[in-house]
Amino acid sequence: MKGVFITFEGPEGGGKSTQIQLLAKVLQAHGQEVVLAREPGGTPAGEVIRNLLQHDVAGERLCAASETLLFSASRAQLVHEVIRPALKRGATVLCDRFADSTTAYQGYGRGFDPEELAHLHTFTLGQYWPDVTLLLDIPVEIGFARIQSRQGAAEKALDRMEREAQDFHMRVADGFRSLAARYAERFRVVDATQSADVVHAAIVSALQPWFPSLATGGAV
């Protein structure tokens, strides 16, 4: 019995975390076991890597190659400890970012060859690629307006990736769109500038080929 592996991708400020929670509630209401994961992180070792990547806790600027390999190390652990066992028992896995983020951020953003990164992903993931990837697409300026509003309300500082220059984030956003065009059979692109309820409805509609009964309200 194999579960369904769904990843959420996109530029900063697209509302991935909100949409993952909304979708999880719907699937659980239909009797589905849902496993939530995030990148980087999701395991004890991965959370240590996440803290290093996001908050400069080592006090040393990471070079682009180290950054890329740390993301991949966290991902390998997540696949081994969480994703693979969940899929084997038939659960649905909802993951906040995955390998496509490395291709977009470290490939298109940092300038690494996406084809070389594809070989790294093969080594890291094996057969465990998403069944469907939801790209929550949003213009960079709108996404960052949301982030600044949210961070200001919470009095939180931007993390290391969020502090990158706007042109970096523009390259990342273009990278996601390029990936969606190249792997159109796997990607579903959702306009994330809309309200959370509208985005959620679009996601549920996009997932009906995997969960046909979502359209009727029956059991998954």
N, C-alpha and C. Protein backbone atom coordinates (compact mmCIF):
# COMPACT_ATOMS: atom_id res chain seq x y z
N MET A 1 0.85 -1.19 0.00
CA MET A 1 0.00 0.00 0.00
C MET A 1 0.89 1.24 0.00
N LYS A 2 0.67 2.11 -0.96
CA LYS A 2 1.50 3.31 -1.06
C LYS A 2 0.65 4.54 -0.84
N GLY A 3 1.15 5.45 -0.02
CA GLY A 3 0.45 6.70 0.21
C GLY A 3 0.69 7.71 -0.90
N VAL A 4 0.25 8.94 -0.65
CA VAL A 4 0.39 10.03 -1.61
C VAL A 4 1.33 11.07 -1.02
N PHE A 5 2.29 11.48 -1.81
CA PHE A 5 3.30 12.44 -1.38
C PHE A 5 3.05 13.77 -2.08
N ILE A 6 2.71 14.79 -1.29
CA ILE A 6 2.36 16.11 -1.82
C ILE A 6 3.32 17.14 -1.25
N THR A 7 3.95 17.92 -2.12
CA THR A 7 4.84 18.98 -1.66
C THR A 7 4.26 20.34 -2.01
N PHE A 8 4.57 21.30 -1.16
CA PHE A 8 4.15 22.69 -1.36
C PHE A 8 5.40 23.53 -1.60
N GLU A 9 5.42 24.25 -2.70
CA GLU A 9 6.58 25.04 -3.08
C GLU A 9 6.16 26.46 -3.43
N GLY A 10 7.16 27.33 -3.59
CA GLY A 10 6.87 28.67 -4.06
C GLY A 10 7.75 29.72 -3.43
N PRO A 11 7.68 30.94 -3.94
CA PRO A 11 8.44 32.05 -3.38
C PRO A 11 8.01 32.34 -1.95
N GLU A 12 8.79 33.17 -1.28
CA GLU A 12 8.49 33.55 0.10
C GLU A 12 7.14 34.28 0.16
N GLY A 13 6.40 34.02 1.25
CA GLY A 13 5.15 34.75 1.48
C GLY A 13 3.94 34.21 0.76
N GLY A 14 4.05 33.01 0.20
CA GLY A 14 2.94 32.45 -0.56
C GLY A 14 1.86 31.77 0.27
N GLY A 15 2.10 31.60 1.56
CA GLY A 15 1.09 31.00 2.43
C GLY A 15 1.11 29.49 2.50
N LYS A 16 2.27 28.88 2.28
CA LYS A 16 2.35 27.42 2.28
C LYS A 16 1.90 26.81 3.61
N SER A 17 2.38 27.35 4.70
CA SER A 17 2.06 26.77 6.01
C SER A 17 0.56 26.79 6.27
N THR A 18 -0.10 27.89 5.94
CA THR A 18 -1.54 27.99 6.12
C THR A 18 -2.26 26.95 5.28
N GLN A 19 -1.87 26.81 4.02
CA GLN A 19 -2.55 25.89 3.12
C GLN A 19 -2.31 24.43 3.50
N ILE A 20 -1.14 24.13 4.01
CA ILE A 20 -0.88 22.77 4.47
C ILE A 20 -1.82 22.41 5.62
N GLN A 21 -2.00 23.32 6.55
CA GLN A 21 -2.89 23.06 7.68
C GLN A 21 -4.33 22.89 7.23
N LEU A 22 -4.77 23.72 6.31
CA LEU A 22 -6.14 23.62 5.81
C LEU A 22 -6.37 22.29 5.08
N LEU A 23 -5.41 21.91 4.25
CA LEU A 23 -5.55 20.65 3.52
C LEU A 23 -5.50 19.46 4.46
N ALA A 24 -4.62 19.51 5.45
CA ALA A 24 -4.53 18.40 6.41
C ALA A 24 -5.86 18.17 7.11
N LYS A 25 -6.54 19.24 7.49
CA LYS A 25 -7.83 19.10 8.18
C LYS A 25 -8.86 18.44 7.27
N VAL A 26 -8.88 18.82 5.99
CA VAL A 26 -9.83 18.22 5.06
C VAL A 26 -9.55 16.73 4.89
N LEU A 27 -8.29 16.38 4.67
CA LEU A 27 -7.95 14.97 4.46
C LEU A 27 -8.21 14.14 5.71
N GLN A 28 -7.90 14.69 6.87
CA GLN A 28 -8.17 13.96 8.11
C GLN A 28 -9.66 13.77 8.33
N ALA A 29 -10.45 14.77 7.94
CA ALA A 29 -11.91 14.65 8.06
C ALA A 29 -12.46 13.56 7.16
N HIS A 30 -11.70 13.23 6.12
CA HIS A 30 -12.09 12.15 5.21
C HIS A 30 -11.47 10.81 5.63
N GLY A 31 -10.90 10.77 6.82
CA GLY A 31 -10.39 9.51 7.34
C GLY A 31 -8.99 9.15 6.92
N GLN A 32 -8.27 10.11 6.35
CA GLN A 32 -6.92 9.84 5.86
C GLN A 32 -5.89 10.13 6.94
N GLU A 33 -4.90 9.23 7.09
CA GLU A 33 -3.75 9.55 7.94
C GLU A 33 -2.88 10.57 7.22
N VAL A 34 -2.60 11.68 7.88
CA VAL A 34 -1.81 12.75 7.28
C VAL A 34 -0.54 12.94 8.11
N VAL A 35 0.59 12.95 7.43
CA VAL A 35 1.88 13.21 8.08
C VAL A 35 2.40 14.54 7.55
N LEU A 36 2.70 15.45 8.46
CA LEU A 36 3.22 16.77 8.09
C LEU A 36 4.74 16.78 8.21
N ALA A 37 5.39 17.37 7.23
CA ALA A 37 6.85 17.47 7.23
C ALA A 37 7.24 18.85 6.73
N ARG A 38 8.47 19.24 7.03
CA ARG A 38 8.94 20.53 6.54
C ARG A 38 10.42 20.45 6.23
N GLU A 39 10.84 21.37 5.35
CA GLU A 39 12.24 21.44 4.97
C GLU A 39 12.77 22.86 5.13
N PRO A 40 14.02 22.97 5.57
CA PRO A 40 14.79 21.89 6.22
C PRO A 40 14.18 21.58 7.58
N GLY A 41 14.46 20.41 8.09
CA GLY A 41 13.94 20.03 9.40
C GLY A 41 13.15 18.76 9.34
N GLY A 42 12.22 18.61 10.28
CA GLY A 42 11.33 17.46 10.30
C GLY A 42 11.83 16.25 11.03
N THR A 43 13.09 16.24 11.41
CA THR A 43 13.69 15.19 12.24
C THR A 43 14.60 15.90 13.25
N PRO A 44 15.01 15.23 14.32
CA PRO A 44 15.92 15.90 15.26
C PRO A 44 17.18 16.44 14.58
N ALA A 45 17.82 15.62 13.74
CA ALA A 45 19.02 16.09 13.05
C ALA A 45 18.67 17.21 12.07
N GLY A 46 17.55 17.05 11.38
CA GLY A 46 17.14 18.07 10.43
C GLY A 46 16.84 19.41 11.07
N GLU A 47 16.29 19.39 12.29
CA GLU A 47 15.99 20.65 12.97
C GLU A 47 17.28 21.37 13.38
N VAL A 48 18.31 20.61 13.73
CA VAL A 48 19.61 21.23 14.02
C VAL A 48 20.14 21.92 12.76
N ILE A 49 20.03 21.23 11.62
CA ILE A 49 20.47 21.81 10.35
C ILE A 49 19.64 23.03 10.02
N ARG A 50 18.33 22.97 10.25
CA ARG A 50 17.45 24.11 9.98
C ARG A 50 17.90 25.35 10.76
N ASN A 51 18.21 25.15 12.03
CA ASN A 51 18.65 26.28 12.86
C ASN A 51 19.95 26.88 12.33
N LEU A 52 20.84 26.03 11.87
CA LEU A 52 22.11 26.49 11.30
C LEU A 52 21.87 27.28 10.02
N LEU A 53 20.97 26.76 9.16
CA LEU A 53 20.72 27.40 7.87
C LEU A 53 19.94 28.71 8.01
N GLN A 54 19.02 28.75 8.92
CA GLN A 54 18.14 29.92 9.01
C GLN A 54 18.71 31.05 9.86
N HIS A 55 19.47 30.71 10.87
CA HIS A 55 19.77 31.72 11.88
C HIS A 55 21.26 31.95 12.15
N ASP A 56 22.13 31.43 11.30
CA ASP A 56 23.57 31.72 11.41
C ASP A 56 24.13 31.39 12.79
N VAL A 57 23.66 30.30 13.41
CA VAL A 57 24.05 30.02 14.79
C VAL A 57 25.53 29.69 14.92
N ALA A 58 26.17 29.28 13.82
CA ALA A 58 27.61 28.96 13.90
C ALA A 58 28.46 30.23 13.87
N GLY A 59 27.87 31.36 13.54
CA GLY A 59 28.63 32.60 13.46
C GLY A 59 29.58 32.64 12.28
N GLU A 60 29.34 31.81 11.30
CA GLU A 60 30.21 31.73 10.12
C GLU A 60 29.35 31.76 8.87
N ARG A 61 29.68 32.58 7.90
CA ARG A 61 28.90 32.66 6.68
C ARG A 61 29.07 31.36 5.89
N LEU A 62 27.95 30.74 5.55
CA LEU A 62 28.01 29.50 4.79
C LEU A 62 28.28 29.80 3.32
N CYS A 63 29.20 29.05 2.73
CA CYS A 63 29.38 29.17 1.29
C CYS A 63 28.22 28.46 0.59
N ALA A 64 28.00 28.77 -0.67
CA ALA A 64 26.84 28.25 -1.39
C ALA A 64 26.84 26.73 -1.47
N ALA A 65 28.03 26.14 -1.62
CA ALA A 65 28.11 24.68 -1.71
C ALA A 65 27.72 24.03 -0.38
N SER A 66 28.20 24.59 0.73
CA SER A 66 27.84 24.06 2.04
C SER A 66 26.35 24.16 2.27
N GLU A 67 25.79 25.31 1.92
CA GLU A 67 24.35 25.52 2.07
C GLU A 67 23.57 24.44 1.31
N THR A 68 23.97 24.20 0.08
CA THR A 68 23.28 23.21 -0.76
C THR A 68 23.35 21.82 -0.15
N LEU A 69 24.52 21.44 0.32
CA LEU A 69 24.70 20.10 0.88
C LEU A 69 23.97 19.94 2.21
N LEU A 70 23.89 21.00 2.99
CA LEU A 70 23.15 20.93 4.25
C LEU A 70 21.66 20.73 4.00
N PHE A 71 21.11 21.44 3.03
CA PHE A 71 19.71 21.21 2.68
C PHE A 71 19.50 19.75 2.26
N SER A 72 20.42 19.24 1.46
CA SER A 72 20.30 17.86 0.98
C SER A 72 20.44 16.85 2.11
N ALA A 73 21.33 17.14 3.06
CA ALA A 73 21.50 16.23 4.20
C ALA A 73 20.23 16.18 5.05
N SER A 74 19.64 17.33 5.30
CA SER A 74 18.38 17.36 6.05
C SER A 74 17.30 16.58 5.31
N ARG A 75 17.26 16.74 3.99
CA ARG A 75 16.25 16.06 3.18
C ARG A 75 16.44 14.54 3.20
N ALA A 76 17.67 14.09 3.10
CA ALA A 76 17.93 12.65 3.13
C ALA A 76 17.45 12.04 4.44
N GLN A 77 17.70 12.73 5.54
CA GLN A 77 17.26 12.24 6.84
C GLN A 77 15.73 12.22 6.93
N LEU A 78 15.10 13.25 6.39
CA LEU A 78 13.64 13.33 6.41
C LEU A 78 13.02 12.19 5.60
N VAL A 79 13.58 11.90 4.43
CA VAL A 79 13.07 10.79 3.63
C VAL A 79 13.22 9.48 4.39
N HIS A 80 14.38 9.28 4.98
CA HIS A 80 14.67 8.01 5.66
C HIS A 80 13.80 7.83 6.90
N GLU A 81 13.66 8.87 7.71
CA GLU A 81 13.01 8.75 9.00
C GLU A 81 11.49 8.95 8.95
N VAL A 82 11.01 9.78 8.02
CA VAL A 82 9.60 10.19 8.05
C VAL A 82 8.85 9.81 6.77
N ILE A 83 9.34 10.28 5.63
CA ILE A 83 8.55 10.18 4.40
C ILE A 83 8.41 8.74 3.93
N ARG A 84 9.51 8.03 3.83
CA ARG A 84 9.46 6.65 3.33
C ARG A 84 8.57 5.76 4.21
N PRO A 85 8.73 5.74 5.54
CA PRO A 85 7.85 4.90 6.35
C PRO A 85 6.38 5.29 6.24
N ALA A 86 6.10 6.60 6.16
CA ALA A 86 4.71 7.04 6.06
C ALA A 86 4.07 6.58 4.76
N LEU A 87 4.78 6.74 3.66
CA LEU A 87 4.23 6.32 2.37
C LEU A 87 4.04 4.82 2.30
N LYS A 88 4.95 4.07 2.88
CA LYS A 88 4.84 2.61 2.85
C LYS A 88 3.62 2.11 3.61
N ARG A 89 3.20 2.83 4.63
CA ARG A 89 2.01 2.39 5.37
C ARG A 89 0.72 3.02 4.83
N GLY A 90 0.84 3.80 3.75
CA GLY A 90 -0.35 4.31 3.08
C GLY A 90 -0.79 5.69 3.51
N ALA A 91 0.02 6.42 4.26
CA ALA A 91 -0.35 7.76 4.70
C ALA A 91 -0.16 8.77 3.58
N THR A 92 -0.80 9.91 3.74
CA THR A 92 -0.55 11.05 2.87
C THR A 92 0.45 11.97 3.54
N VAL A 93 1.52 12.31 2.84
CA VAL A 93 2.56 13.18 3.37
C VAL A 93 2.41 14.56 2.73
N LEU A 94 2.31 15.59 3.57
CA LEU A 94 2.29 16.97 3.12
C LEU A 94 3.58 17.63 3.58
N CYS A 95 4.41 18.04 2.63
CA CYS A 95 5.73 18.56 2.97
C CYS A 95 5.87 20.02 2.54
N ASP A 96 6.25 20.85 3.49
CA ASP A 96 6.51 22.27 3.25
C ASP A 96 7.93 22.41 2.70
N ARG A 97 8.04 22.49 1.38
CA ARG A 97 9.27 22.53 0.59
C ARG A 97 9.90 21.15 0.48
N PHE A 98 10.62 20.98 -0.65
CA PHE A 98 11.33 19.73 -0.89
C PHE A 98 12.43 20.01 -1.90
N ALA A 99 12.79 19.03 -2.71
CA ALA A 99 13.96 19.17 -3.59
C ALA A 99 13.82 20.31 -4.59
N ASP A 100 12.60 20.61 -5.03
CA ASP A 100 12.43 21.71 -5.98
C ASP A 100 12.89 23.04 -5.40
N SER A 101 12.79 23.20 -4.09
CA SER A 101 13.28 24.43 -3.47
C SER A 101 14.79 24.55 -3.60
N THR A 102 15.50 23.45 -3.46
CA THR A 102 16.95 23.51 -3.66
C THR A 102 17.29 23.88 -5.09
N THR A 103 16.56 23.32 -6.05
CA THR A 103 16.82 23.68 -7.44
C THR A 103 16.51 25.16 -7.68
N ALA A 104 15.43 25.66 -7.10
CA ALA A 104 15.07 27.06 -7.30
C ALA A 104 16.01 28.01 -6.56
N TYR A 105 16.29 27.74 -5.29
CA TYR A 105 17.08 28.66 -4.48
C TYR A 105 18.58 28.52 -4.75
N GLN A 106 19.08 27.31 -4.72
CA GLN A 106 20.52 27.14 -4.91
C GLN A 106 20.90 27.01 -6.38
N GLY A 107 19.97 26.54 -7.21
CA GLY A 107 20.23 26.47 -8.65
C GLY A 107 20.01 27.82 -9.31
N TYR A 108 18.76 28.19 -9.48
CA TYR A 108 18.45 29.46 -10.15
C TYR A 108 18.88 30.66 -9.31
N GLY A 109 18.76 30.58 -7.99
CA GLY A 109 19.12 31.70 -7.14
C GLY A 109 20.62 31.88 -6.97
N ARG A 110 21.32 30.81 -6.59
CA ARG A 110 22.76 30.89 -6.31
C ARG A 110 23.61 30.69 -7.57
N GLY A 111 23.04 30.05 -8.59
CA GLY A 111 23.79 29.90 -9.83
C GLY A 111 24.37 28.52 -10.08
N PHE A 112 24.01 27.52 -9.25
CA PHE A 112 24.46 26.16 -9.53
C PHE A 112 23.69 25.61 -10.73
N ASP A 113 24.33 24.69 -11.46
CA ASP A 113 23.70 24.08 -12.61
C ASP A 113 22.54 23.19 -12.15
N PRO A 114 21.30 23.48 -12.57
CA PRO A 114 20.16 22.65 -12.16
C PRO A 114 20.32 21.18 -12.53
N GLU A 115 21.03 20.90 -13.63
CA GLU A 115 21.22 19.50 -14.02
C GLU A 115 22.14 18.78 -13.03
N GLU A 116 23.14 19.46 -12.52
CA GLU A 116 24.00 18.85 -11.50
C GLU A 116 23.21 18.63 -10.21
N LEU A 117 22.35 19.58 -9.88
CA LEU A 117 21.52 19.40 -8.69
C LEU A 117 20.57 18.22 -8.86
N ALA A 118 20.12 17.97 -10.08
CA ALA A 118 19.24 16.82 -10.31
C ALA A 118 19.94 15.52 -9.96
N HIS A 119 21.25 15.42 -10.24
CA HIS A 119 22.00 14.22 -9.85
C HIS A 119 22.09 14.11 -8.32
N LEU A 120 22.28 15.25 -7.66
CA LEU A 120 22.31 15.25 -6.20
C LEU A 120 20.96 14.79 -5.64
N HIS A 121 19.87 15.25 -6.23
CA HIS A 121 18.55 14.83 -5.77
C HIS A 121 18.35 13.33 -5.96
N THR A 122 18.83 12.79 -7.07
CA THR A 122 18.70 11.35 -7.30
C THR A 122 19.42 10.57 -6.22
N PHE A 123 20.62 11.03 -5.86
CA PHE A 123 21.39 10.37 -4.81
C PHE A 123 20.67 10.49 -3.46
N THR A 124 20.10 11.65 -3.19
CA THR A 124 19.49 11.91 -1.89
C THR A 124 18.14 11.22 -1.73
N LEU A 125 17.33 11.21 -2.79
CA LEU A 125 15.93 10.81 -2.68
C LEU A 125 15.65 9.39 -3.15
N GLY A 126 16.46 8.88 -4.08
CA GLY A 126 16.11 7.61 -4.68
C GLY A 126 14.79 7.73 -5.42
N GLN A 127 13.83 6.88 -5.09
CA GLN A 127 12.54 6.86 -5.78
C GLN A 127 11.51 7.78 -5.13
N TYR A 128 11.86 8.45 -4.07
CA TYR A 128 10.85 9.18 -3.28
C TYR A 128 10.69 10.63 -3.74
N TRP A 129 10.16 10.76 -4.95
CA TRP A 129 9.79 12.06 -5.48
C TRP A 129 8.31 12.30 -5.21
N PRO A 130 7.88 13.55 -5.14
CA PRO A 130 6.46 13.81 -4.89
C PRO A 130 5.57 13.27 -6.00
N ASP A 131 4.36 12.88 -5.62
CA ASP A 131 3.34 12.55 -6.61
C ASP A 131 2.80 13.81 -7.25
N VAL A 132 2.67 14.85 -6.46
CA VAL A 132 2.18 16.14 -6.97
C VAL A 132 2.84 17.25 -6.18
N THR A 133 3.19 18.32 -6.89
CA THR A 133 3.80 19.49 -6.26
C THR A 133 2.90 20.70 -6.52
N LEU A 134 2.47 21.35 -5.46
CA LEU A 134 1.63 22.53 -5.55
C LEU A 134 2.52 23.77 -5.47
N LEU A 135 2.58 24.52 -6.56
CA LEU A 135 3.36 25.74 -6.59
C LEU A 135 2.45 26.91 -6.26
N LEU A 136 2.63 27.48 -5.07
CA LEU A 136 1.86 28.66 -4.68
C LEU A 136 2.61 29.88 -5.20
N ASP A 137 2.17 30.33 -6.37
CA ASP A 137 2.90 31.37 -7.10
C ASP A 137 2.43 32.75 -6.67
N ILE A 138 3.40 33.63 -6.41
CA ILE A 138 3.09 34.97 -5.95
C ILE A 138 4.23 35.90 -6.38
N PRO A 139 3.92 37.11 -6.84
CA PRO A 139 4.99 38.06 -7.15
C PRO A 139 5.84 38.34 -5.92
N VAL A 140 7.12 38.52 -6.13
CA VAL A 140 8.05 38.70 -5.01
C VAL A 140 7.65 39.87 -4.13
N GLU A 141 7.27 40.98 -4.73
CA GLU A 141 6.95 42.17 -3.94
C GLU A 141 5.73 41.95 -3.06
N ILE A 142 4.75 41.21 -3.55
CA ILE A 142 3.56 40.94 -2.74
C ILE A 142 3.90 39.98 -1.61
N GLY A 143 4.69 38.96 -1.92
CA GLY A 143 5.09 38.01 -0.90
C GLY A 143 5.85 38.68 0.24
N PHE A 144 6.75 39.60 -0.10
CA PHE A 144 7.53 40.25 0.95
C PHE A 144 6.72 41.28 1.72
N ALA A 145 5.73 41.87 1.08
CA ALA A 145 4.83 42.75 1.83
C ALA A 145 4.10 41.95 2.90
N ARG A 146 3.69 40.73 2.56
CA ARG A 146 3.05 39.86 3.54
C ARG A 146 4.01 39.49 4.66
N ILE A 147 5.24 39.13 4.30
CA ILE A 147 6.22 38.74 5.30
C ILE A 147 6.50 39.88 6.26
N GLN A 148 6.70 41.08 5.74
CA GLN A 148 7.01 42.22 6.58
C GLN A 148 5.87 42.56 7.52
N SER A 149 4.64 42.41 7.02
CA SER A 149 3.48 42.63 7.88
C SER A 149 3.43 41.59 8.99
N ARG A 150 3.65 40.34 8.63
CA ARG A 150 3.61 39.25 9.61
C ARG A 150 4.74 39.36 10.61
N GLN A 151 5.94 39.63 10.12
CA GLN A 151 7.09 39.70 11.01
C GLN A 151 6.99 40.91 11.93
N GLY A 152 6.48 42.02 11.39
CA GLY A 152 6.33 43.21 12.23
C GLY A 152 5.35 42.98 13.36
N ALA A 153 4.23 42.30 13.06
CA ALA A 153 3.23 42.02 14.08
C ALA A 153 3.79 41.11 15.16
N ALA A 154 4.66 40.19 14.76
CA ALA A 154 5.23 39.24 15.72
C ALA A 154 6.56 39.71 16.30
N GLU A 155 7.06 40.85 15.82
CA GLU A 155 8.35 41.39 16.24
C GLU A 155 9.47 40.37 16.05
N LYS A 156 9.44 39.69 14.91
CA LYS A 156 10.46 38.70 14.58
C LYS A 156 11.33 39.21 13.46
N ALA A 157 12.61 38.83 13.50
CA ALA A 157 13.54 39.22 12.44
C ALA A 157 13.40 38.29 11.25
N LEU A 158 13.77 38.78 10.07
CA LEU A 158 13.81 37.94 8.89
C LEU A 158 14.90 36.89 9.04
N ASP A 159 14.67 35.70 8.47
CA ASP A 159 15.71 34.68 8.54
C ASP A 159 16.74 34.92 7.45
N ARG A 160 17.75 34.08 7.40
CA ARG A 160 18.90 34.31 6.52
C ARG A 160 18.49 34.35 5.06
N MET A 161 17.60 33.46 4.64
CA MET A 161 17.18 33.43 3.25
C MET A 161 16.29 34.61 2.91
N GLU A 162 15.42 34.98 3.83
CA GLU A 162 14.54 36.12 3.59
C GLU A 162 15.31 37.42 3.46
N ARG A 163 16.51 37.48 4.04
CA ARG A 163 17.31 38.71 3.97
C ARG A 163 18.05 38.86 2.65
N GLU A 164 17.97 37.88 1.77
CA GLU A 164 18.64 38.00 0.47
C GLU A 164 18.03 39.15 -0.34
N ALA A 165 18.80 39.67 -1.29
CA ALA A 165 18.37 40.79 -2.12
C ALA A 165 17.17 40.40 -3.00
N GLN A 166 16.42 41.42 -3.42
CA GLN A 166 15.23 41.15 -4.21
C GLN A 166 15.55 40.44 -5.52
N ASP A 167 16.67 40.78 -6.15
CA ASP A 167 16.98 40.13 -7.43
C ASP A 167 17.22 38.64 -7.24
N PHE A 168 17.75 38.23 -6.09
CA PHE A 168 17.89 36.81 -5.78
C PHE A 168 16.52 36.15 -5.75
N HIS A 169 15.59 36.77 -5.05
CA HIS A 169 14.25 36.19 -4.94
C HIS A 169 13.51 36.22 -6.28
N MET A 170 13.81 37.17 -7.12
CA MET A 170 13.22 37.18 -8.46
C MET A 170 13.71 35.97 -9.25
N ARG A 171 15.01 35.66 -9.15
CA ARG A 171 15.55 34.49 -9.84
C ARG A 171 14.92 33.21 -9.30
N VAL A 172 14.72 33.16 -7.99
CA VAL A 172 14.10 31.99 -7.38
C VAL A 172 12.68 31.79 -7.91
N ALA A 173 11.90 32.88 -7.93
CA ALA A 173 10.52 32.80 -8.42
C ALA A 173 10.48 32.35 -9.87
N ASP A 174 11.38 32.90 -10.70
CA ASP A 174 11.46 32.47 -12.10
C ASP A 174 11.86 31.00 -12.19
N GLY A 175 12.73 30.57 -11.27
CA GLY A 175 13.14 29.17 -11.26
C GLY A 175 11.97 28.23 -10.97
N PHE A 176 11.14 28.58 -10.01
CA PHE A 176 9.97 27.76 -9.72
C PHE A 176 9.05 27.66 -10.95
N ARG A 177 8.86 28.78 -11.62
CA ARG A 177 7.98 28.76 -12.81
C ARG A 177 8.60 27.92 -13.92
N SER A 178 9.90 27.97 -14.05
CA SER A 178 10.56 27.13 -15.05
C SER A 178 10.40 25.65 -14.73
N LEU A 179 10.54 25.31 -13.46
CA LEU A 179 10.36 23.92 -13.04
C LEU A 179 8.92 23.46 -13.29
N ALA A 180 7.96 24.33 -13.01
CA ALA A 180 6.56 23.98 -13.22
C ALA A 180 6.28 23.72 -14.69
N ALA A 181 6.90 24.50 -15.56
CA ALA A 181 6.72 24.29 -16.99
C ALA A 181 7.41 23.01 -17.46
N ARG A 182 8.59 22.75 -16.91
CA ARG A 182 9.34 21.57 -17.34
C ARG A 182 8.70 20.28 -16.85
N TYR A 183 8.18 20.31 -15.63
CA TYR A 183 7.59 19.10 -15.04
C TYR A 183 6.09 19.30 -14.85
N ALA A 184 5.43 19.65 -15.94
CA ALA A 184 4.01 20.01 -15.87
C ALA A 184 3.14 18.84 -15.42
N GLU A 185 3.59 17.61 -15.64
CA GLU A 185 2.80 16.46 -15.22
C GLU A 185 2.75 16.33 -13.70
N ARG A 186 3.73 16.89 -13.02
CA ARG A 186 3.77 16.80 -11.55
C ARG A 186 3.30 18.08 -10.87
N PHE A 187 3.56 19.22 -11.46
CA PHE A 187 3.24 20.50 -10.83
C PHE A 187 1.79 20.90 -11.07
N ARG A 188 1.20 21.56 -10.08
CA ARG A 188 -0.05 22.27 -10.22
C ARG A 188 0.19 23.69 -9.69
N VAL A 189 -0.01 24.68 -10.53
CA VAL A 189 0.28 26.07 -10.18
C VAL A 189 -0.99 26.74 -9.68
N VAL A 190 -0.89 27.36 -8.50
CA VAL A 190 -2.02 28.03 -7.87
C VAL A 190 -1.66 29.50 -7.65
N ASP A 191 -2.57 30.39 -8.00
CA ASP A 191 -2.37 31.83 -7.80
C ASP A 191 -2.51 32.13 -6.31
N ALA A 192 -1.37 32.39 -5.65
CA ALA A 192 -1.37 32.59 -4.20
C ALA A 192 -1.65 34.03 -3.80
N THR A 193 -1.95 34.90 -4.75
CA THR A 193 -2.32 36.28 -4.39
C THR A 193 -3.77 36.35 -3.91
N GLN A 194 -4.53 35.31 -4.11
CA GLN A 194 -5.93 35.29 -3.72
C GLN A 194 -6.08 35.04 -2.22
N SER A 195 -7.31 35.13 -1.72
CA SER A 195 -7.56 34.89 -0.30
C SER A 195 -7.24 33.43 0.04
N ALA A 196 -7.00 33.17 1.32
CA ALA A 196 -6.65 31.82 1.76
C ALA A 196 -7.74 30.82 1.40
N ASP A 197 -9.01 31.22 1.52
CA ASP A 197 -10.11 30.30 1.20
C ASP A 197 -10.14 29.96 -0.29
N VAL A 198 -9.90 30.95 -1.14
CA VAL A 198 -9.90 30.72 -2.58
C VAL A 198 -8.72 29.82 -2.97
N VAL A 199 -7.56 30.07 -2.39
CA VAL A 199 -6.39 29.24 -2.67
C VAL A 199 -6.65 27.80 -2.22
N HIS A 200 -7.24 27.66 -1.04
CA HIS A 200 -7.55 26.31 -0.53
C HIS A 200 -8.48 25.57 -1.48
N ALA A 201 -9.50 26.25 -1.96
CA ALA A 201 -10.45 25.61 -2.88
C ALA A 201 -9.74 25.18 -4.17
N ALA A 202 -8.82 26.00 -4.64
CA ALA A 202 -8.08 25.65 -5.86
C ALA A 202 -7.20 24.43 -5.61
N ILE A 203 -6.62 24.34 -4.43
CA ILE A 203 -5.77 23.19 -4.10
C ILE A 203 -6.61 21.91 -4.03
N VAL A 204 -7.75 21.97 -3.36
CA VAL A 204 -8.63 20.80 -3.28
C VAL A 204 -9.04 20.34 -4.67
N SER A 205 -9.37 21.30 -5.54
CA SER A 205 -9.74 20.96 -6.91
C SER A 205 -8.58 20.30 -7.65
N ALA A 206 -7.37 20.82 -7.47
CA ALA A 206 -6.20 20.28 -8.16
C ALA A 206 -5.88 18.86 -7.71
N LEU A 207 -6.26 18.52 -6.49
CA LEU A 207 -5.90 17.20 -5.94
C LEU A 207 -6.97 16.14 -6.18
N GLN A 208 -8.06 16.47 -6.83
CA GLN A 208 -9.12 15.50 -7.03
C GLN A 208 -8.70 14.26 -7.84
N PRO A 209 -7.72 14.38 -8.78
CA PRO A 209 -7.27 13.13 -9.43
C PRO A 209 -6.66 12.12 -8.46
N TRP A 210 -6.11 12.60 -7.36
CA TRP A 210 -5.53 11.70 -6.35
C TRP A 210 -6.55 11.33 -5.28
N PHE A 211 -7.49 12.21 -5.03
CA PHE A 211 -8.53 11.99 -4.03
C PHE A 211 -9.89 12.32 -4.65
N PRO A 212 -10.42 11.47 -5.52
CA PRO A 212 -11.64 11.80 -6.27
C PRO A 212 -12.84 12.15 -5.38
N SER A 213 -12.91 11.54 -4.20
CA SER A 213 -14.07 11.78 -3.37
C SER A 213 -14.07 13.14 -2.69
N LEU A 214 -12.98 13.90 -2.80
CA LEU A 214 -13.00 15.27 -2.25
C LEU A 214 -14.09 16.09 -2.94
N ALA A 215 -14.42 15.73 -4.17
CA ALA A 215 -15.45 16.47 -4.90
C ALA A 215 -16.85 16.16 -4.39
N THR A 216 -17.01 14.98 -3.77
CA THR A 216 -18.35 14.55 -3.34
C THR A 216 -18.53 14.58 -1.83
N GLY A 217 -17.40 14.75 -1.11
CA GLY A 217 -17.50 14.74 0.34
C GLY A 217 -17.45 13.35 0.94
N GLY A 218 -17.21 12.32 0.12
CA GLY A 218 -17.13 10.96 0.63
C GLY A 218 -15.78 10.65 1.23
N ALA A 219 -15.59 9.40 1.66
CA ALA A 219 -14.32 8.98 2.23
C ALA A 219 -13.24 8.99 1.16
N VAL A 220 -12.00 9.35 1.55
CA VAL A 220 -10.89 9.39 0.61
C VAL A 220 -10.55 7.97 0.17
